[in-house]
């Protein structure tokens, strides 16, 4: 019975380290990598404000090295940082949360 709490304690130390090891090899994704990973970027047309728009969509997108920003119709913006290891992509929000991209 003592092994179960010990195993749980060991895993609580090991799992964050494993997650860090996976993200430690991540680097800032280039604009070209982001564009090739995102479907539909070839359809985007640049607007006068520097954001790109899809026909019929009111959200604007600004894609640069390591970042994607969205301009919403109410003029608010939200940006995420994009990291990659060349195969997998992660979005990092302003709170530091990471999700697959």
N, C-alpha and C. Protein backbone atom coordinates (compact mmCIF):
# COMPACT_ATOMS: atom_id res chain seq x y z
N UNK A 1 0.81 -1.20 0.00
CA UNK A 1 0.00 0.00 0.00
C UNK A 1 0.85 1.26 0.00
N UNK A 2 2.04 1.20 0.53
CA UNK A 2 2.89 2.39 0.56
C UNK A 2 3.43 2.75 -0.82
N UNK A 3 3.47 1.78 -1.70
CA UNK A 3 4.04 2.05 -3.03
C UNK A 3 3.14 2.96 -3.86
N UNK A 4 1.84 2.88 -3.66
CA UNK A 4 0.93 3.73 -4.44
C UNK A 4 1.15 5.21 -4.16
N UNK A 5 1.20 5.65 -2.89
CA UNK A 5 1.50 7.08 -2.66
C UNK A 5 2.90 7.48 -3.15
N UNK A 6 3.86 6.56 -3.03
CA UNK A 6 5.21 6.87 -3.50
C UNK A 6 5.22 7.02 -5.02
N UNK A 7 4.49 6.14 -5.71
CA UNK A 7 4.40 6.22 -7.16
C UNK A 7 3.72 7.52 -7.60
N UNK A 8 2.65 7.88 -6.90
CA UNK A 8 1.94 9.13 -7.22
C UNK A 8 2.87 10.33 -7.03
N UNK A 9 3.63 10.32 -5.96
CA UNK A 9 4.57 11.41 -5.71
C UNK A 9 5.65 11.47 -6.77
N UNK A 10 6.16 10.32 -7.17
CA UNK A 10 7.18 10.27 -8.21
C UNK A 10 6.64 10.80 -9.52
N UNK A 11 5.43 10.37 -9.90
CA UNK A 11 4.83 10.85 -11.15
C UNK A 11 4.55 12.34 -11.11
N UNK A 12 4.18 12.86 -9.94
CA UNK A 12 3.92 14.30 -9.85
C UNK A 12 5.20 15.11 -10.10
N UNK A 13 6.34 14.51 -9.83
CA UNK A 13 7.61 15.18 -10.11
C UNK A 13 8.07 14.94 -11.55
N UNK A 14 7.79 13.76 -12.06
CA UNK A 14 8.29 13.37 -13.37
C UNK A 14 7.49 13.98 -14.52
N UNK A 15 6.17 14.02 -14.42
CA UNK A 15 5.35 14.49 -15.54
C UNK A 15 5.63 15.94 -15.93
N UNK A 16 5.73 16.88 -14.99
CA UNK A 16 6.10 18.24 -15.42
C UNK A 16 7.47 18.30 -16.09
N UNK A 17 8.41 17.49 -15.62
CA UNK A 17 9.73 17.46 -16.24
C UNK A 17 9.65 16.93 -17.66
N UNK A 18 8.79 15.93 -17.89
CA UNK A 18 8.62 15.39 -19.24
C UNK A 18 7.99 16.44 -20.15
N UNK A 19 7.02 17.18 -19.66
CA UNK A 19 6.39 18.23 -20.45
C UNK A 19 7.40 19.31 -20.78
N UNK A 20 8.25 19.66 -19.81
CA UNK A 20 9.27 20.67 -20.06
C UNK A 20 10.26 20.18 -21.10
N UNK A 21 10.64 18.90 -21.03
CA UNK A 21 11.59 18.35 -22.00
C UNK A 21 11.02 18.46 -23.41
N UNK A 22 9.71 18.22 -23.56
CA UNK A 22 9.10 18.32 -24.88
C UNK A 22 9.10 19.76 -25.37
N UNK A 23 8.80 20.71 -24.50
CA UNK A 23 8.72 22.11 -24.92
C UNK A 23 10.09 22.78 -24.95
N UNK A 24 11.08 22.19 -24.29
CA UNK A 24 12.42 22.79 -24.27
C UNK A 24 13.03 22.81 -25.67
N UNK A 25 12.66 21.86 -26.52
CA UNK A 25 13.22 21.81 -27.86
C UNK A 25 12.45 22.72 -28.83
N UNK A 26 11.43 23.38 -28.35
CA UNK A 26 10.62 24.25 -29.20
C UNK A 26 11.34 25.58 -29.43
N UNK A 27 11.13 26.13 -30.61
CA UNK A 27 11.72 27.42 -30.97
C UNK A 27 10.62 28.27 -31.58
N UNK A 28 10.89 29.53 -31.77
CA UNK A 28 9.92 30.43 -32.39
C UNK A 28 9.68 30.01 -33.83
N UNK A 29 8.42 29.86 -34.19
CA UNK A 29 8.06 29.46 -35.55
C UNK A 29 8.19 30.67 -36.48
N UNK A 30 8.69 30.43 -37.67
CA UNK A 30 8.81 31.51 -38.65
C UNK A 30 7.45 31.81 -39.26
N UNK A 31 7.32 32.96 -39.87
CA UNK A 31 6.07 33.32 -40.53
C UNK A 31 5.72 32.29 -41.61
N UNK A 32 6.72 31.86 -42.36
CA UNK A 32 6.48 30.87 -43.42
C UNK A 32 5.99 29.55 -42.84
N UNK A 33 6.56 29.12 -41.72
CA UNK A 33 6.11 27.87 -41.08
C UNK A 33 4.67 27.99 -40.60
N UNK A 34 4.35 29.12 -40.00
CA UNK A 34 2.98 29.33 -39.51
C UNK A 34 2.01 29.32 -40.68
N UNK A 35 2.34 30.04 -41.73
CA UNK A 35 1.46 30.10 -42.90
C UNK A 35 1.28 28.72 -43.54
N UNK A 36 2.34 27.92 -43.60
CA UNK A 36 2.21 26.60 -44.21
C UNK A 36 1.44 25.64 -43.31
N UNK A 37 1.44 25.89 -42.01
CA UNK A 37 0.73 25.02 -41.06
C UNK A 37 -0.76 25.38 -40.96
N UNK A 38 -1.08 26.65 -41.16
CA UNK A 38 -2.47 27.10 -41.06
C UNK A 38 -3.19 26.93 -42.38
N UNK A 39 -4.33 26.25 -42.39
CA UNK A 39 -5.07 26.13 -43.65
C UNK A 39 -5.72 27.46 -44.04
N UNK A 40 -5.77 27.74 -45.31
CA UNK A 40 -6.48 28.91 -45.81
C UNK A 40 -5.72 30.22 -45.81
N UNK A 41 -4.45 30.22 -45.45
CA UNK A 41 -3.72 31.49 -45.42
C UNK A 41 -3.49 32.05 -46.82
N UNK A 42 -3.52 31.21 -47.83
CA UNK A 42 -3.35 31.68 -49.20
C UNK A 42 -4.54 32.54 -49.64
N UNK A 43 -5.69 32.36 -48.99
CA UNK A 43 -6.91 33.12 -49.33
C UNK A 43 -6.95 34.51 -48.69
N UNK A 44 -6.05 34.78 -47.77
CA UNK A 44 -6.09 36.05 -47.05
C UNK A 44 -5.65 37.20 -47.94
N UNK A 45 -6.37 38.30 -47.85
CA UNK A 45 -6.04 39.52 -48.59
C UNK A 45 -5.79 40.64 -47.58
N UNK A 46 -4.72 41.40 -47.80
CA UNK A 46 -4.36 42.46 -46.86
C UNK A 46 -5.32 43.63 -46.94
N UNK A 47 -5.73 44.09 -45.75
CA UNK A 47 -6.58 45.27 -45.66
C UNK A 47 -5.74 46.52 -45.45
N UNK A 48 -6.39 47.67 -45.43
CA UNK A 48 -5.70 48.96 -45.27
C UNK A 48 -5.05 49.10 -43.90
N UNK A 49 -5.55 48.35 -42.91
CA UNK A 49 -5.03 48.47 -41.55
C UNK A 49 -3.87 47.53 -41.25
N UNK A 50 -3.38 46.80 -42.24
CA UNK A 50 -2.26 45.90 -42.04
C UNK A 50 -2.66 44.48 -41.65
N UNK A 51 -3.91 44.26 -41.39
CA UNK A 51 -4.41 42.92 -41.09
C UNK A 51 -4.88 42.27 -42.38
N UNK A 52 -4.87 40.95 -42.40
CA UNK A 52 -5.33 40.21 -43.57
C UNK A 52 -6.70 39.63 -43.28
N UNK A 53 -7.53 39.58 -44.31
CA UNK A 53 -8.92 39.14 -44.15
C UNK A 53 -9.26 38.07 -45.17
N UNK A 54 -10.10 37.13 -44.73
CA UNK A 54 -10.69 36.13 -45.61
C UNK A 54 -11.99 36.72 -46.14
N UNK A 55 -12.30 36.48 -47.38
CA UNK A 55 -13.52 37.01 -47.98
C UNK A 55 -14.73 36.62 -47.13
N UNK A 56 -15.51 37.61 -46.72
CA UNK A 56 -16.70 37.37 -45.93
C UNK A 56 -16.48 37.23 -44.44
N UNK A 57 -15.24 37.28 -43.98
CA UNK A 57 -14.94 37.15 -42.55
C UNK A 57 -14.52 38.51 -42.01
N UNK A 58 -15.08 38.91 -40.90
CA UNK A 58 -14.77 40.22 -40.34
C UNK A 58 -13.58 40.21 -39.38
N UNK A 59 -13.05 39.03 -39.07
CA UNK A 59 -11.85 38.95 -38.24
C UNK A 59 -10.62 39.18 -39.10
N UNK A 60 -9.71 40.03 -38.61
CA UNK A 60 -8.46 40.27 -39.31
C UNK A 60 -7.34 39.47 -38.66
N UNK A 61 -6.36 39.07 -39.45
CA UNK A 61 -5.25 38.27 -38.96
C UNK A 61 -3.94 38.94 -39.30
N UNK A 62 -3.03 38.91 -38.35
CA UNK A 62 -1.68 39.42 -38.59
C UNK A 62 -0.74 38.28 -38.19
N UNK A 63 -0.02 37.77 -39.17
CA UNK A 63 0.88 36.63 -38.96
C UNK A 63 2.31 37.13 -39.13
N UNK A 64 3.14 36.87 -38.13
CA UNK A 64 4.54 37.28 -38.19
C UNK A 64 5.38 36.16 -37.59
N UNK A 65 6.69 36.36 -37.55
CA UNK A 65 7.55 35.37 -36.93
C UNK A 65 7.15 35.17 -35.48
N UNK A 66 6.70 33.98 -35.16
CA UNK A 66 6.39 33.63 -33.78
C UNK A 66 5.10 34.15 -33.22
N UNK A 67 4.24 34.74 -34.03
CA UNK A 67 3.02 35.31 -33.47
C UNK A 67 1.88 35.36 -34.49
N UNK A 68 0.68 35.12 -33.98
CA UNK A 68 -0.55 35.30 -34.75
C UNK A 68 -1.47 36.17 -33.90
N UNK A 69 -1.94 37.27 -34.49
CA UNK A 69 -2.87 38.17 -33.80
C UNK A 69 -4.18 38.20 -34.58
N UNK A 70 -5.27 38.29 -33.84
CA UNK A 70 -6.59 38.39 -34.45
C UNK A 70 -7.20 39.72 -34.03
N UNK A 71 -7.71 40.47 -35.01
CA UNK A 71 -8.43 41.71 -34.77
C UNK A 71 -9.91 41.40 -34.97
N UNK A 72 -10.68 41.55 -33.91
CA UNK A 72 -12.10 41.26 -33.95
C UNK A 72 -12.89 42.48 -34.41
N UNK A 73 -14.12 42.30 -34.88
CA UNK A 73 -14.92 43.43 -35.36
C UNK A 73 -15.12 44.54 -34.33
N UNK A 74 -15.07 44.21 -33.03
CA UNK A 74 -15.23 45.24 -32.00
C UNK A 74 -13.92 45.97 -31.70
N UNK A 75 -12.89 45.72 -32.54
CA UNK A 75 -11.56 46.36 -32.47
C UNK A 75 -10.67 45.80 -31.37
N UNK A 76 -11.11 44.77 -30.63
CA UNK A 76 -10.24 44.14 -29.65
C UNK A 76 -9.31 43.17 -30.38
N UNK A 77 -8.16 42.91 -29.80
CA UNK A 77 -7.20 42.00 -30.41
C UNK A 77 -6.82 40.91 -29.42
N UNK A 78 -6.38 39.81 -29.94
CA UNK A 78 -5.85 38.72 -29.13
C UNK A 78 -4.70 38.12 -29.91
N UNK A 79 -3.59 37.92 -29.24
CA UNK A 79 -2.40 37.37 -29.89
C UNK A 79 -1.93 36.12 -29.16
N UNK A 80 -1.33 35.22 -29.91
CA UNK A 80 -0.68 34.05 -29.34
C UNK A 80 0.72 33.95 -29.94
N UNK A 81 1.63 33.43 -29.14
CA UNK A 81 2.96 33.12 -29.64
C UNK A 81 2.92 31.71 -30.18
N UNK A 82 3.72 31.44 -31.20
CA UNK A 82 3.73 30.12 -31.83
C UNK A 82 5.16 29.57 -31.76
N UNK A 83 5.26 28.36 -31.21
CA UNK A 83 6.54 27.66 -31.11
C UNK A 83 6.44 26.36 -31.90
N UNK A 84 7.57 25.87 -32.37
CA UNK A 84 7.60 24.62 -33.11
C UNK A 84 8.94 23.92 -32.90
N UNK A 85 8.92 22.62 -33.12
CA UNK A 85 10.17 21.87 -33.18
C UNK A 85 10.43 21.43 -34.62
N UNK A 86 9.64 21.98 -35.55
CA UNK A 86 9.75 21.63 -36.95
C UNK A 86 8.65 20.68 -37.39
N UNK A 87 8.02 20.01 -36.43
CA UNK A 87 6.94 19.07 -36.73
C UNK A 87 5.67 19.43 -35.97
N UNK A 88 5.81 19.61 -34.67
CA UNK A 88 4.67 19.98 -33.83
C UNK A 88 4.67 21.49 -33.60
N UNK A 89 3.47 22.03 -33.44
CA UNK A 89 3.32 23.46 -33.20
C UNK A 89 2.53 23.65 -31.91
N UNK A 90 2.90 24.67 -31.14
CA UNK A 90 2.19 25.03 -29.92
C UNK A 90 1.85 26.50 -29.95
N UNK A 91 0.65 26.82 -29.44
CA UNK A 91 0.26 28.21 -29.22
C UNK A 91 0.45 28.49 -27.74
N UNK A 92 0.98 29.65 -27.44
CA UNK A 92 1.16 30.07 -26.05
C UNK A 92 0.38 31.36 -25.87
N UNK A 93 -0.65 31.31 -25.02
CA UNK A 93 -1.47 32.48 -24.82
C UNK A 93 -0.81 33.45 -23.85
N UNK A 94 -1.43 34.58 -23.63
CA UNK A 94 -0.80 35.62 -22.79
C UNK A 94 -0.66 35.21 -21.33
N UNK A 95 -1.38 34.16 -20.91
CA UNK A 95 -1.26 33.65 -19.54
C UNK A 95 -0.21 32.54 -19.44
N UNK A 96 0.39 32.18 -20.57
CA UNK A 96 1.39 31.14 -20.58
C UNK A 96 0.85 29.75 -20.85
N UNK A 97 -0.46 29.64 -21.08
CA UNK A 97 -1.06 28.35 -21.38
C UNK A 97 -0.63 27.87 -22.76
N UNK A 98 -0.33 26.59 -22.87
CA UNK A 98 0.11 26.01 -24.13
C UNK A 98 -0.91 25.02 -24.65
N UNK A 99 -1.22 25.13 -25.95
CA UNK A 99 -2.10 24.18 -26.61
C UNK A 99 -1.54 23.86 -27.97
N UNK A 100 -1.97 22.74 -28.51
CA UNK A 100 -1.55 22.39 -29.88
C UNK A 100 -2.11 23.40 -30.85
N UNK A 101 -1.35 23.64 -31.85
CA UNK A 101 -1.70 24.63 -32.87
C UNK A 101 -1.94 23.93 -34.17
